[in-house]
Amino acid sequence: MMVTPQTKARRGRPAVQDKSFKTLGYRVSSAYFDWITRAVAVNGSTLSRLIDQAVARDAREIGIEDAPPDRTA
């Protein structure tokens, strides 16, 4: 009898087929996470949207004139 190894089913989102996407992430303290979560609630948005807004605003302030492309286009 031949035994074949079992593979675990991938959980979460399916893998992105288009390899042109990049993933950004960074570690934060619990205090920072609580702070940014409060900002998201006040903004009535999502964490991703809040970060998108902040990066676009900061880029304009430092002289980047063109609008950011769609993050997930």
PDB file of N, CA and C in Angstrom:
ATOM      1  N   MET A   1       0.848  -1.185   0.000  1.00  0.00           N
ATOM      2  CA  MET A   1       0.000   0.000   0.000  1.00  0.00           C
ATOM      3  C   MET A   1       0.889   1.242   0.000  1.00  0.00           C
ATOM      4  N   MET A   2       0.636   2.149  -0.941  1.00  0.00           N
ATOM      5  CA  MET A   2       1.435   3.362  -1.047  1.00  0.00           C
ATOM      6  C   MET A   2       0.730   4.499  -0.326  1.00  0.00           C
ATOM      7  N   VAL A   3       1.469   5.210   0.509  1.00  0.00           N
ATOM      8  CA  VAL A   3       0.911   6.327   1.265  1.00  0.00           C
ATOM      9  C   VAL A   3       1.311   7.621   0.563  1.00  0.00           C
ATOM     10  N   THR A   4       0.338   8.471   0.298  1.00  0.00           N
ATOM     11  CA  THR A   4       0.632   9.769  -0.313  1.00  0.00           C
ATOM     12  C   THR A   4       0.507  10.851   0.754  1.00  0.00           C
ATOM     13  N   PRO A   5       1.404  11.807   0.727  1.00  0.00           N
ATOM     14  CA  PRO A   5       1.325  12.878   1.733  1.00  0.00           C
ATOM     15  C   PRO A   5       0.072  13.723   1.531  1.00  0.00           C
ATOM     16  N   GLN A   6      -0.497  14.131   2.627  1.00  0.00           N
ATOM     17  CA  GLN A   6      -1.677  14.986   2.556  1.00  0.00           C
ATOM     18  C   GLN A   6      -1.231  16.436   2.616  1.00  0.00           C
ATOM     19  N   THR A   7      -1.905  17.271   1.861  1.00  0.00           N
ATOM     20  CA  THR A   7      -1.621  18.701   1.916  1.00  0.00           C
ATOM     21  C   THR A   7      -2.755  19.388   2.645  1.00  0.00           C
ATOM     22  N   LYS A   8      -2.401  20.384   3.404  1.00  0.00           N
ATOM     23  CA  LYS A   8      -3.417  21.146   4.121  1.00  0.00           C
ATOM     24  C   LYS A   8      -4.127  22.072   3.148  1.00  0.00           C
ATOM     25  N   ALA A   9      -5.422  22.217   3.341  1.00  0.00           N
ATOM     26  CA  ALA A   9      -6.190  23.143   2.519  1.00  0.00           C
ATOM     27  C   ALA A   9      -5.802  24.565   2.905  1.00  0.00           C
ATOM     28  N   ARG A  10      -5.633  25.391   1.911  1.00  0.00           N
ATOM     29  CA  ARG A  10      -5.291  26.797   2.162  1.00  0.00           C
ATOM     30  C   ARG A  10      -6.520  27.519   2.698  1.00  0.00           C
ATOM     31  N   ARG A  11      -6.330  28.234   3.786  1.00  0.00           N
ATOM     32  CA  ARG A  11      -7.425  28.998   4.368  1.00  0.00           C
ATOM     33  C   ARG A  11      -7.275  30.460   3.990  1.00  0.00           C
ATOM     34  N   GLY A  12      -8.332  31.221   4.149  1.00  0.00           N
ATOM     35  CA  GLY A  12      -8.279  32.643   3.859  1.00  0.00           C
ATOM     36  C   GLY A  12      -8.539  32.927   2.394  1.00  0.00           C
ATOM     37  N   ARG A  13      -8.005  34.052   1.941  1.00  0.00           N
ATOM     38  CA  ARG A  13      -8.199  34.466   0.559  1.00  0.00           C
ATOM     39  C   ARG A  13      -7.479  33.543  -0.407  1.00  0.00           C
ATOM     40  N   PRO A  14      -8.038  33.377  -1.586  1.00  0.00           N
ATOM     41  CA  PRO A  14      -7.317  32.577  -2.588  1.00  0.00           C
ATOM     42  C   PRO A  14      -6.057  33.312  -3.034  1.00  0.00           C
ATOM     43  N   ALA A  15      -5.074  32.573  -3.461  1.00  0.00           N
ATOM     44  CA  ALA A  15      -3.824  33.176  -3.919  1.00  0.00           C
ATOM     45  C   ALA A  15      -4.090  34.040  -5.146  1.00  0.00           C
ATOM     46  N   VAL A  16      -3.375  35.142  -5.227  1.00  0.00           N
ATOM     47  CA  VAL A  16      -3.505  36.044  -6.362  1.00  0.00           C
ATOM     48  C   VAL A  16      -2.804  35.418  -7.558  1.00  0.00           C
ATOM     49  N   GLN A  17      -3.520  35.328  -8.664  1.00  0.00           N
ATOM     50  CA  GLN A  17      -2.941  34.743  -9.865  1.00  0.00           C
ATOM     51  C   GLN A  17      -2.014  35.724 -10.574  1.00  0.00           C
ATOM     52  N   ASP A  18      -2.334  37.008 -10.516  1.00  0.00           N
ATOM     53  CA  ASP A  18      -1.530  38.040 -11.166  1.00  0.00           C
ATOM     54  C   ASP A  18      -0.368  38.394 -10.250  1.00  0.00           C
ATOM     55  N   LYS A  19       0.829  38.004 -10.614  1.00  0.00           N
ATOM     56  CA  LYS A  19       1.994  38.200  -9.750  1.00  0.00           C
ATOM     57  C   LYS A  19       2.507  39.637  -9.739  1.00  0.00           C
ATOM     58  N   SER A  20       1.798  40.561 -10.432  1.00  0.00           N
ATOM     59  CA  SER A  20       2.239  41.956 -10.412  1.00  0.00           C
ATOM     60  C   SER A  20       1.819  42.661  -9.123  1.00  0.00           C
ATOM     61  N   PHE A  21       0.966  42.034  -8.319  1.00  0.00           N
ATOM     62  CA  PHE A  21       0.571  42.626  -7.044  1.00  0.00           C
ATOM     63  C   PHE A  21       1.676  42.457  -6.014  1.00  0.00           C
ATOM     64  N   LYS A  22       1.799  43.409  -5.135  1.00  0.00           N
ATOM     65  CA  LYS A  22       2.738  43.366  -4.015  1.00  0.00           C
ATOM     66  C   LYS A  22       1.930  43.492  -2.728  1.00  0.00           C
ATOM     67  N   THR A  23       2.409  42.906  -1.667  1.00  0.00           N
ATOM     68  CA  THR A  23       1.752  43.002  -0.370  1.00  0.00           C
ATOM     69  C   THR A  23       2.606  43.860   0.550  1.00  0.00           C
ATOM     70  N   LEU A  24       1.964  44.834   1.184  1.00  0.00           N
ATOM     71  CA  LEU A  24       2.634  45.674   2.170  1.00  0.00           C
ATOM     72  C   LEU A  24       2.065  45.340   3.539  1.00  0.00           C
ATOM     73  N   GLY A  25       2.906  45.338   4.531  1.00  0.00           N
ATOM     74  CA  GLY A  25       2.449  45.089   5.887  1.00  0.00           C
ATOM     75  C   GLY A  25       3.481  45.603   6.867  1.00  0.00           C
ATOM     76  N   TYR A  26       3.049  45.942   8.042  1.00  0.00           N
ATOM     77  CA  TYR A  26       3.996  46.355   9.063  1.00  0.00           C
ATOM     78  C   TYR A  26       3.443  46.046  10.436  1.00  0.00           C
ATOM     79  N   ARG A  27       4.367  45.824  11.352  1.00  0.00           N
ATOM     80  CA  ARG A  27       4.031  45.489  12.727  1.00  0.00           C
ATOM     81  C   ARG A  27       3.754  46.762  13.515  1.00  0.00           C
ATOM     82  N   VAL A  28       2.746  46.720  14.365  1.00  0.00           N
ATOM     83  CA  VAL A  28       2.421  47.864  15.210  1.00  0.00           C
ATOM     84  C   VAL A  28       2.197  47.385  16.642  1.00  0.00           C
ATOM     85  N   SER A  29       2.368  48.298  17.570  1.00  0.00           N
ATOM     86  CA  SER A  29       2.107  47.979  18.969  1.00  0.00           C
ATOM     87  C   SER A  29       0.599  47.923  19.202  1.00  0.00           C
ATOM     88  N   SER A  30       0.222  47.360  20.314  1.00  0.00           N
ATOM     89  CA  SER A  30      -1.209  47.307  20.662  1.00  0.00           C
ATOM     90  C   SER A  30      -1.782  48.705  20.796  1.00  0.00           C
ATOM     91  N   ALA A  31      -0.999  49.616  21.383  1.00  0.00           N
ATOM     92  CA  ALA A  31      -1.463  50.994  21.559  1.00  0.00           C
ATOM     93  C   ALA A  31      -1.694  51.670  20.209  1.00  0.00           C
ATOM     94  N   TYR A  32      -0.772  51.448  19.254  1.00  0.00           N
ATOM     95  CA  TYR A  32      -0.926  52.034  17.923  1.00  0.00           C
ATOM     96  C   TYR A  32      -2.152  51.439  17.227  1.00  0.00           C
ATOM     97  N   PHE A  33      -2.327  50.130  17.341  1.00  0.00           N
ATOM     98  CA  PHE A  33      -3.480  49.474  16.729  1.00  0.00           C
ATOM     99  C   PHE A  33      -4.778  50.038  17.295  1.00  0.00           C
ATOM    100  N   ASP A  34      -4.845  50.225  18.608  1.00  0.00           N
ATOM    101  CA  ASP A  34      -6.039  50.807  19.230  1.00  0.00           C
ATOM    102  C   ASP A  34      -6.285  52.216  18.711  1.00  0.00           C
ATOM    103  N   TRP A  35      -5.219  53.001  18.582  1.00  0.00           N
ATOM    104  CA  TRP A  35      -5.325  54.375  18.105  1.00  0.00           C
ATOM    105  C   TRP A  35      -5.843  54.423  16.665  1.00  0.00           C
ATOM    106  N   ILE A  36      -5.251  53.616  15.789  1.00  0.00           N
ATOM    107  CA  ILE A  36      -5.671  53.652  14.388  1.00  0.00           C
ATOM    108  C   ILE A  36      -7.072  53.070  14.229  1.00  0.00           C
ATOM    109  N   THR A  37      -7.453  52.121  15.072  1.00  0.00           N
ATOM    110  CA  THR A  37      -8.809  51.579  15.042  1.00  0.00           C
ATOM    111  C   THR A  37      -9.820  52.650  15.414  1.00  0.00           C
ATOM    112  N   ARG A  38      -9.479  53.495  16.390  1.00  0.00           N
ATOM    113  CA  ARG A  38     -10.352  54.619  16.744  1.00  0.00           C
ATOM    114  C   ARG A  38     -10.468  55.589  15.575  1.00  0.00           C
ATOM    115  N   ALA A  39      -9.355  55.859  14.905  1.00  0.00           N
ATOM    116  CA  ALA A  39      -9.378  56.764  13.748  1.00  0.00           C
ATOM    117  C   ALA A  39     -10.268  56.205  12.636  1.00  0.00           C
ATOM    118  N   VAL A  40     -10.212  54.902  12.422  1.00  0.00           N
ATOM    119  CA  VAL A  40     -11.062  54.260  11.411  1.00  0.00           C
ATOM    120  C   VAL A  40     -12.532  54.451  11.776  1.00  0.00           C
ATOM    121  N   ALA A  41     -12.872  54.269  13.040  1.00  0.00           N
ATOM    122  CA  ALA A  41     -14.258  54.408  13.488  1.00  0.00           C
ATOM    123  C   ALA A  41     -14.746  55.841  13.302  1.00  0.00           C
ATOM    124  N   VAL A  42     -13.925  56.810  13.652  1.00  0.00           N
ATOM    125  CA  VAL A  42     -14.308  58.210  13.501  1.00  0.00           C
ATOM    126  C   VAL A  42     -14.447  58.571  12.024  1.00  0.00           C
ATOM    127  N   ASN A  43     -13.579  58.010  11.196  1.00  0.00           N
ATOM    128  CA  ASN A  43     -13.609  58.273   9.756  1.00  0.00           C
ATOM    129  C   ASN A  43     -14.775  57.559   9.076  1.00  0.00           C
ATOM    130  N   GLY A  44     -15.352  56.565   9.730  1.00  0.00           N
ATOM    131  CA  GLY A  44     -16.450  55.805   9.143  1.00  0.00           C
ATOM    132  C   GLY A  44     -15.992  55.044   7.909  1.00  0.00           C
ATOM    133  N   SER A  45     -14.812  54.476   7.998  1.00  0.00           N
ATOM    134  CA  SER A  45     -14.173  53.873   6.843  1.00  0.00           C
ATOM    135  C   SER A  45     -13.631  52.497   7.212  1.00  0.00           C
ATOM    136  N   THR A  46     -12.703  52.021   6.400  1.00  0.00           N
ATOM    137  CA  THR A  46     -11.967  50.798   6.704  1.00  0.00           C
ATOM    138  C   THR A  46     -10.516  51.181   6.928  1.00  0.00           C
ATOM    139  N   LEU A  47      -9.758  50.280   7.496  1.00  0.00           N
ATOM    140  CA  LEU A  47      -8.343  50.540   7.715  1.00  0.00           C
ATOM    141  C   LEU A  47      -7.629  50.808   6.395  1.00  0.00           C
ATOM    142  N   SER A  48      -7.911  49.991   5.390  1.00  0.00           N
ATOM    143  CA  SER A  48      -7.274  50.186   4.082  1.00  0.00           C
ATOM    144  C   SER A  48      -7.618  51.550   3.495  1.00  0.00           C
ATOM    145  N   ARG A  49      -8.871  51.938   3.584  1.00  0.00           N
ATOM    146  CA  ARG A  49      -9.306  53.229   3.028  1.00  0.00           C
ATOM    147  C   ARG A  49      -8.661  54.378   3.789  1.00  0.00           C
ATOM    148  N   LEU A  50      -8.585  54.288   5.108  1.00  0.00           N
ATOM    149  CA  LEU A  50      -7.955  55.342   5.896  1.00  0.00           C
ATOM    150  C   LEU A  50      -6.486  55.502   5.507  1.00  0.00           C
ATOM    151  N   ILE A  51      -5.790  54.397   5.340  1.00  0.00           N
ATOM    152  CA  ILE A  51      -4.378  54.449   4.939  1.00  0.00           C
ATOM    153  C   ILE A  51      -4.255  55.035   3.538  1.00  0.00           C
ATOM    154  N   ASP A  52      -5.133  54.608   2.611  1.00  0.00           N
ATOM    155  CA  ASP A  52      -5.117  55.161   1.253  1.00  0.00           C
ATOM    156  C   ASP A  52      -5.289  56.683   1.280  1.00  0.00           C
ATOM    157  N   GLN A  53      -6.254  57.157   2.063  1.00  0.00           N
ATOM    158  CA  GLN A  53      -6.507  58.594   2.154  1.00  0.00           C
ATOM    159  C   GLN A  53      -5.293  59.331   2.720  1.00  0.00           C
ATOM    160  N   ALA A  54      -4.716  58.789   3.775  1.00  0.00           N
ATOM    161  CA  ALA A  54      -3.583  59.450   4.419  1.00  0.00           C
ATOM    162  C   ALA A  54      -2.356  59.504   3.506  1.00  0.00           C
ATOM    163  N   VAL A  55      -2.084  58.411   2.798  1.00  0.00           N
ATOM    164  CA  VAL A  55      -0.926  58.382   1.902  1.00  0.00           C
ATOM    165  C   VAL A  55      -1.130  59.352   0.747  1.00  0.00           C
ATOM    166  N   ALA A  56      -2.322  59.377   0.172  1.00  0.00           N
ATOM    167  CA  ALA A  56      -2.601  60.296  -0.936  1.00  0.00           C
ATOM    168  C   ALA A  56      -2.476  61.749  -0.480  1.00  0.00           C
ATOM    169  N   ARG A  57      -3.002  62.066   0.694  1.00  0.00           N
ATOM    170  CA  ARG A  57      -2.933  63.434   1.225  1.00  0.00           C
ATOM    171  C   ARG A  57      -1.477  63.826   1.478  1.00  0.00           C
ATOM    172  N   ASP A  58      -0.707  62.931   2.074  1.00  0.00           N
ATOM    173  CA  ASP A  58       0.698  63.224   2.363  1.00  0.00           C
ATOM    174  C   ASP A  58       1.506  63.382   1.071  1.00  0.00           C
ATOM    175  N   ALA A  59       1.224  62.551   0.079  1.00  0.00           N
ATOM    176  CA  ALA A  59       1.934  62.651  -1.196  1.00  0.00           C
ATOM    177  C   ALA A  59       1.676  64.006  -1.855  1.00  0.00           C
ATOM    178  N   ARG A  60       0.424  64.470  -1.814  1.00  0.00           N
ATOM    179  CA  ARG A  60       0.106  65.800  -2.367  1.00  0.00           C
ATOM    180  C   ARG A  60       0.866  66.885  -1.625  1.00  0.00           C
ATOM    181  N   GLU A  61       0.941  66.764  -0.300  1.00  0.00           N
ATOM    182  CA  GLU A  61       1.621  67.776   0.514  1.00  0.00           C
ATOM    183  C   GLU A  61       3.113  67.855   0.226  1.00  0.00           C
ATOM    184  N   ILE A  62       3.723  66.755  -0.215  1.00  0.00           N
ATOM    185  CA  ILE A  62       5.160  66.789  -0.498  1.00  0.00           C
ATOM    186  C   ILE A  62       5.457  67.000  -1.980  1.00  0.00           C
ATOM    187  N   GLY A  63       4.396  67.280  -2.757  1.00  0.00           N
ATOM    188  CA  GLY A  63       4.613  67.674  -4.136  1.00  0.00           C
ATOM    189  C   GLY A  63       4.312  66.642  -5.207  1.00  0.00           C
ATOM    190  N   ILE A  64       3.759  65.502  -4.855  1.00  0.00           N
ATOM    191  CA  ILE A  64       3.360  64.524  -5.864  1.00  0.00           C
ATOM    192  C   ILE A  64       2.037  65.016  -6.440  1.00  0.00           C
ATOM    193  N   GLU A  65       2.050  65.400  -7.710  1.00  0.00           N
ATOM    194  CA  GLU A  65       0.870  66.034  -8.291  1.00  0.00           C
ATOM    195  C   GLU A  65      -0.170  65.056  -8.819  1.00  0.00           C
ATOM    196  N   ASP A  66       0.252  63.908  -9.328  1.00  0.00           N
ATOM    197  CA  ASP A  66      -0.728  62.987  -9.893  1.00  0.00           C
ATOM    198  C   ASP A  66      -1.414  62.178  -8.799  1.00  0.00           C
ATOM    199  N   ALA A  67      -2.652  61.822  -9.085  1.00  0.00           N
ATOM    200  CA  ALA A  67      -3.437  61.021  -8.136  1.00  0.00           C
ATOM    201  C   ALA A  67      -2.899  59.594  -8.110  1.00  0.00           C
ATOM    202  N   PRO A  68      -3.038  58.924  -6.984  1.00  0.00           N
ATOM    203  CA  PRO A  68      -2.549  57.538  -6.931  1.00  0.00           C
ATOM    204  C   PRO A  68      -3.371  56.637  -7.835  1.00  0.00           C
ATOM    205  N   PRO A  69      -2.734  55.627  -8.434  1.00  0.00           N
ATOM    206  CA  PRO A  69      -3.526  54.667  -9.204  1.00  0.00           C
ATOM    207  C   PRO A  69      -4.349  53.811  -8.253  1.00  0.00           C
ATOM    208  N   ASP A  70      -5.322  53.088  -8.799  1.00  0.00           N
ATOM    209  CA  ASP A  70      -6.093  52.174  -7.964  1.00  0.00           C
ATOM    210  C   ASP A  70      -5.135  51.194  -7.301  1.00  0.00           C
ATOM    211  N   ARG A  71      -5.312  50.993  -6.018  1.00  0.00           N
ATOM    212  CA  ARG A  71      -4.419  50.119  -5.263  1.00  0.00           C
ATOM    213  C   ARG A  71      -4.514  48.668  -5.702  1.00  0.00           C
ATOM    214  N   THR A  72      -5.702  48.249  -6.093  1.00  0.00           N
ATOM    215  CA  THR A  72      -5.884  46.839  -6.454  1.00  0.00           C
ATOM    216  C   THR A  72      -6.286  46.661  -7.906  1.00  0.00           C
ATOM    217  N   ALA A  73      -6.008  47.646  -8.743  1.00  0.00           N
ATOM    218  CA  ALA A  73      -6.391  47.552 -10.165  1.00  0.00           C
ATOM    219  C   ALA A  73      -5.556  46.551 -10.892  1.00  0.00           C
TER     220      ALA A  73
END
